[in-house]
Amino acid sequence: MTLLLLAMPVIAVIDVPLRSGAQAAPQPQIGEEKRPSVQDVPSAVMKKSRRLFLRDCAPCHGKNGDGNSPVRRTLHPTPLDLTGFDLMDSFILHVLHEGVPGSDMPAWHSSPEDDLRAVSAYTVRLGRPDELADDERYAPSGALQEAGRRIYTAHCARCHGNSGNGDGKDATRYPPIPPSFRGMRPSYAMARRVIESGVPGTAMPSWPLLTPQEIQAVTYYIRSLYAGASGATGATRGTVR
């Protein structure tokens, strides 16, 4: 019932048509940690990074980083699809150093720090970003942001925290704890998939009562919490081969 009651004011906020030729406000971003393009990294370093990823990460996350590996269904939860997120280098390194308690993602204490940094440098480039075209938006940016904030506060903050740090009051009830949206930014496609289907093996449920408009709005807001590269599309990204 809470969700249904919330939907009325939320839809009122986002049901604002874009005027022809109107310019949408830029999506807010926090922080300035920018990822270098592949061209900024010596090819020898990238070759080493790819070799380490294929050796240490691909058995679970798949050779393309999309979580599609032969053992994925035996792991709890299934490995993260790394292609569906923008990931900060510091976020990846934290996971490599600490693991993800409550999941099958271990800490890599036995790996040299240089190797971990090389793996992080490769992983950070696996994401396949998407952006909302003007004709795909259900409302202008300001309305999406406000509607998304309302939905997030009502349904997400109790686990993910008010600022998206994964430190909400219910965050530790069912490990693994929620990830920090300040270190990872989902693509619109990935967010829709997670919201509609949940994440089996975690406390993240599906939200079948959220409308497409509400899913877009809350995704827009969640993406604004990311503390990585500035600009709506993030830093320059090259193709990893």
Protein backbone atom coordinates (compact mmCIF):
# COMPACT_ATOMS: atom_id res chain seq x y z
CA MET A 1 0.00 0.00 0.00
CA THR A 2 2.84 2.37 0.74
CA LEU A 3 4.12 1.99 -2.81
CA LEU A 4 0.73 2.63 -4.36
CA LEU A 5 0.19 5.75 -2.28
CA LEU A 6 3.64 7.01 -3.17
CA ALA A 7 3.07 6.52 -6.86
CA MET A 8 0.43 9.26 -7.07
CA PRO A 9 2.64 12.25 -6.11
CA VAL A 10 5.62 10.74 -7.91
CA ILE A 11 3.79 10.43 -11.21
CA ALA A 12 2.52 13.96 -10.74
CA VAL A 13 6.11 15.12 -10.51
CA ILE A 14 7.44 13.25 -13.54
CA ASP A 15 4.41 13.58 -15.82
CA VAL A 16 5.77 16.78 -17.37
CA PRO A 17 6.31 16.65 -21.15
CA LEU A 18 9.54 17.94 -22.57
CA ARG A 19 9.02 20.99 -24.72
CA SER A 20 10.29 20.80 -28.24
CA GLY A 21 13.84 22.08 -28.34
CA ALA A 22 14.10 22.42 -24.55
CA GLN A 23 17.50 21.68 -23.09
CA ALA A 24 17.61 19.25 -20.19
CA ALA A 25 19.69 20.23 -17.20
CA PRO A 26 22.90 18.20 -16.83
CA GLN A 27 22.69 15.23 -14.51
CA PRO A 28 24.40 16.13 -11.23
CA GLN A 29 27.72 14.47 -10.53
CA ILE A 30 29.84 14.38 -7.40
CA GLY A 31 33.61 14.16 -7.28
CA GLU A 32 36.34 14.24 -9.85
CA GLU A 33 37.94 10.78 -9.95
CA LYS A 34 38.42 10.40 -13.68
CA ARG A 35 39.33 7.22 -15.46
CA PRO A 36 42.05 7.52 -18.09
CA SER A 37 41.29 6.29 -21.55
CA VAL A 38 42.90 3.12 -22.81
CA GLN A 39 45.11 5.30 -24.98
CA ASP A 40 46.60 6.84 -21.81
CA VAL A 41 47.80 3.45 -20.58
CA PRO A 42 50.85 1.77 -22.16
CA SER A 43 49.87 -1.27 -24.20
CA ALA A 44 52.24 -3.49 -22.22
CA VAL A 45 50.43 -2.55 -19.01
CA MET A 46 47.04 -3.27 -20.53
CA LYS A 47 48.24 -6.65 -21.79
CA LYS A 48 49.38 -7.54 -18.29
CA SER A 49 46.08 -6.28 -16.85
CA ARG A 50 44.06 -8.39 -19.27
CA ARG A 51 46.19 -11.46 -18.60
CA LEU A 52 45.67 -11.11 -14.84
CA PHE A 53 41.93 -10.55 -15.30
CA LEU A 54 41.59 -13.67 -17.46
CA ARG A 55 43.60 -15.69 -14.96
CA ASP A 56 42.07 -14.52 -11.68
CA CYS A 57 38.67 -12.98 -12.46
CA ALA A 58 37.29 -14.52 -15.65
CA PRO A 59 36.69 -17.98 -14.10
CA CYS A 60 33.80 -16.38 -12.18
CA HIS A 61 33.02 -13.09 -13.95
CA GLY A 62 33.52 -14.43 -17.47
CA LYS A 63 36.15 -13.48 -20.02
CA ASN A 64 34.14 -10.41 -21.03
CA GLY A 65 33.30 -9.45 -17.45
CA ASP A 66 29.58 -9.96 -17.97
CA GLY A 67 29.23 -12.60 -15.24
CA ASN A 68 28.61 -15.34 -17.79
CA SER A 69 30.93 -18.14 -16.69
CA PRO A 70 30.56 -21.92 -16.40
CA VAL A 71 30.47 -21.74 -12.59
CA ARG A 72 28.15 -18.74 -12.20
CA ARG A 73 25.19 -20.78 -10.98
CA THR A 74 27.26 -22.42 -8.25
CA LEU A 75 28.23 -19.07 -6.68
CA HIS A 76 26.37 -17.04 -4.06
CA PRO A 77 25.23 -14.67 -5.37
CA THR A 78 25.96 -15.01 -9.06
CA PRO A 79 29.00 -12.94 -10.10
CA LEU A 80 28.46 -9.26 -10.79
CA ASP A 81 28.07 -8.27 -14.43
CA LEU A 82 30.93 -5.78 -14.54
CA THR A 83 29.82 -4.47 -17.94
CA GLY A 84 26.65 -2.98 -16.46
CA PHE A 85 28.34 -0.40 -14.23
CA ASP A 86 30.72 2.50 -14.15
CA LEU A 87 33.13 1.57 -11.36
CA MET A 88 35.59 3.80 -9.53
CA ASP A 89 39.13 2.48 -9.32
CA SER A 90 39.11 2.99 -5.54
CA PHE A 91 35.86 0.99 -5.28
CA ILE A 92 37.34 -1.96 -7.18
CA LEU A 93 40.53 -1.91 -5.12
CA HIS A 94 38.51 -1.93 -1.90
CA VAL A 95 36.66 -5.04 -3.06
CA LEU A 96 39.91 -6.72 -4.08
CA HIS A 97 41.47 -5.92 -0.71
CA GLU A 98 38.48 -6.80 1.47
CA GLY A 99 36.34 -9.16 -0.59
CA VAL A 100 32.55 -9.06 -0.19
CA PRO A 101 31.60 -10.66 3.14
CA GLY A 102 28.51 -12.83 2.81
CA SER A 103 29.30 -13.67 -0.81
CA ASP A 104 31.74 -15.92 -2.67
CA MET A 105 33.88 -12.92 -3.67
CA PRO A 106 37.13 -13.38 -1.68
CA ALA A 107 39.80 -10.90 -0.71
CA TRP A 108 42.98 -11.28 -2.74
CA HIS A 109 45.51 -10.90 0.06
CA SER A 110 48.05 -13.16 -1.61
CA SER A 111 48.22 -11.05 -4.78
CA PRO A 112 50.90 -8.35 -5.11
CA GLU A 113 49.52 -4.82 -4.89
CA ASP A 114 50.78 -4.05 -8.39
CA ASP A 115 48.74 -6.95 -9.74
CA LEU A 116 45.60 -5.76 -7.95
CA ARG A 117 46.03 -2.29 -9.39
CA ALA A 118 46.53 -3.76 -12.84
CA VAL A 119 43.33 -5.79 -12.52
CA SER A 120 41.47 -2.70 -11.32
CA ALA A 121 42.78 -0.67 -14.27
CA TYR A 122 41.38 -3.29 -16.64
CA THR A 123 38.07 -3.83 -14.83
CA VAL A 124 37.25 -0.13 -14.71
CA ARG A 125 37.09 -0.12 -18.52
CA LEU A 126 34.66 -3.01 -18.93
CA GLY A 127 31.50 -0.97 -18.38
CA ARG A 128 29.19 -0.27 -21.30
CA PRO A 129 27.60 3.06 -20.44
CA ASP A 130 24.23 4.16 -21.68
CA GLU A 131 22.54 7.54 -21.45
CA LEU A 132 18.99 8.77 -21.80
CA ALA A 133 18.26 10.41 -25.10
CA ASP A 134 15.93 13.39 -24.89
CA ASP A 135 13.13 11.47 -26.60
CA GLU A 136 13.43 8.62 -24.04
CA ARG A 137 12.97 10.81 -20.97
CA TYR A 138 9.60 10.75 -19.27
CA ALA A 139 10.25 14.21 -17.82
CA PRO A 140 12.87 16.97 -17.68
CA SER A 141 15.97 16.34 -15.59
CA GLY A 142 14.83 18.33 -12.57
CA ALA A 143 11.54 16.45 -12.36
CA LEU A 144 13.25 13.09 -12.79
CA GLN A 145 15.73 13.95 -10.04
CA GLU A 146 13.02 14.98 -7.56
CA ALA A 147 10.76 12.03 -8.34
CA GLY A 148 13.72 9.66 -8.09
CA ARG A 149 14.74 11.15 -4.74
CA ARG A 150 11.25 10.53 -3.34
CA ILE A 151 11.20 6.91 -4.52
CA TYR A 152 14.74 6.30 -3.28
CA THR A 153 13.99 7.78 0.15
CA ALA A 154 10.86 5.67 0.52
CA HIS A 155 12.14 2.33 -0.75
CA CYS A 156 15.93 2.26 -1.09
CA ALA A 157 17.52 4.36 1.65
CA ARG A 158 16.77 1.94 4.48
CA CYS A 159 19.34 -0.46 2.98
CA HIS A 160 21.47 1.67 0.65
CA GLY A 161 21.63 4.68 2.99
CA ASN A 162 20.52 8.27 2.54
CA SER A 163 23.64 9.13 0.56
CA GLY A 164 23.92 5.79 -1.25
CA ASN A 165 26.89 4.56 0.81
CA GLY A 166 25.31 1.17 1.55
CA ASP A 167 24.95 2.07 5.23
CA GLY A 168 21.19 2.19 5.76
CA LYS A 169 19.66 1.00 9.02
CA ASP A 170 18.80 -2.40 7.50
CA ALA A 171 22.06 -2.79 5.56
CA THR A 172 23.62 -5.40 7.83
CA ARG A 173 20.54 -7.55 8.39
CA TYR A 174 21.04 -9.80 5.38
CA PRO A 175 24.60 -10.06 4.05
CA PRO A 176 26.11 -9.28 1.68
CA ILE A 177 25.59 -5.63 2.54
CA PRO A 178 24.39 -3.33 -0.27
CA PRO A 179 27.09 -1.82 -2.48
CA SER A 180 27.84 1.88 -2.39
CA PHE A 181 26.33 3.87 -5.23
CA ARG A 182 29.07 6.40 -4.69
CA GLY A 183 31.54 3.87 -6.08
CA MET A 184 29.42 2.22 -8.74
CA ARG A 185 26.92 3.67 -11.20
CA PRO A 186 24.50 1.29 -12.94
CA SER A 187 23.57 1.69 -16.55
CA TYR A 188 19.87 2.30 -17.15
CA ALA A 189 19.54 -1.19 -18.59
CA MET A 190 21.24 -2.81 -15.60
CA ALA A 191 19.22 -0.82 -13.07
CA ARG A 192 15.99 -1.80 -14.79
CA ARG A 193 17.01 -5.45 -14.76
CA VAL A 194 17.86 -5.39 -11.06
CA ILE A 195 14.72 -3.48 -10.05
CA GLU A 196 12.44 -5.73 -12.08
CA SER A 197 14.09 -9.05 -11.14
CA GLY A 198 15.95 -8.45 -7.89
CA VAL A 199 19.31 -10.05 -7.12
CA PRO A 200 18.91 -13.70 -6.06
CA GLY A 201 21.15 -14.63 -3.15
CA THR A 202 20.99 -11.13 -1.66
CA ALA A 203 18.44 -9.03 0.20
CA MET A 204 17.67 -7.07 -2.98
CA PRO A 205 14.08 -7.94 -3.96
CA SER A 206 12.23 -7.27 -7.17
CA TRP A 207 9.93 -4.24 -7.23
CA PRO A 208 7.09 -5.28 -9.57
CA LEU A 209 4.82 -2.38 -8.62
CA LEU A 210 7.21 0.31 -9.80
CA THR A 211 6.15 1.75 -13.16
CA PRO A 212 8.59 2.33 -16.03
CA GLN A 213 8.43 6.05 -15.23
CA GLU A 214 9.34 5.42 -11.59
CA ILE A 215 12.16 3.04 -12.52
CA GLN A 216 13.65 5.65 -14.82
CA ALA A 217 13.35 8.35 -12.17
CA VAL A 218 14.93 6.36 -9.34
CA THR A 219 17.71 5.20 -11.67
CA TYR A 220 18.38 8.79 -12.64
CA TYR A 221 18.66 9.73 -8.99
CA ILE A 222 20.86 6.75 -8.08
CA ARG A 223 23.23 7.60 -10.91
CA SER A 224 23.55 11.13 -9.54
CA LEU A 225 25.03 9.72 -6.31
CA TYR A 226 28.10 8.40 -8.13
CA ALA A 227 31.31 10.06 -6.94
CA GLY A 228 33.35 9.16 -10.00
CA ALA A 229 34.08 10.97 -13.24
CA SER A 230 32.38 14.31 -13.78
CA GLY A 231 30.10 14.88 -16.71
CA ALA A 232 26.94 13.02 -17.70
CA THR A 233 28.76 10.29 -19.61
CA GLY A 234 31.80 9.91 -17.36
CA ALA A 235 35.41 10.08 -18.44
CA THR A 236 36.68 9.06 -21.83
CA ARG A 237 36.45 5.35 -22.36
CA GLY A 238 38.35 3.32 -24.92
CA THR A 239 37.73 -0.19 -26.15
CA VAL A 240 39.46 -2.96 -24.25
CA ARG A 241 40.84 -5.66 -26.49
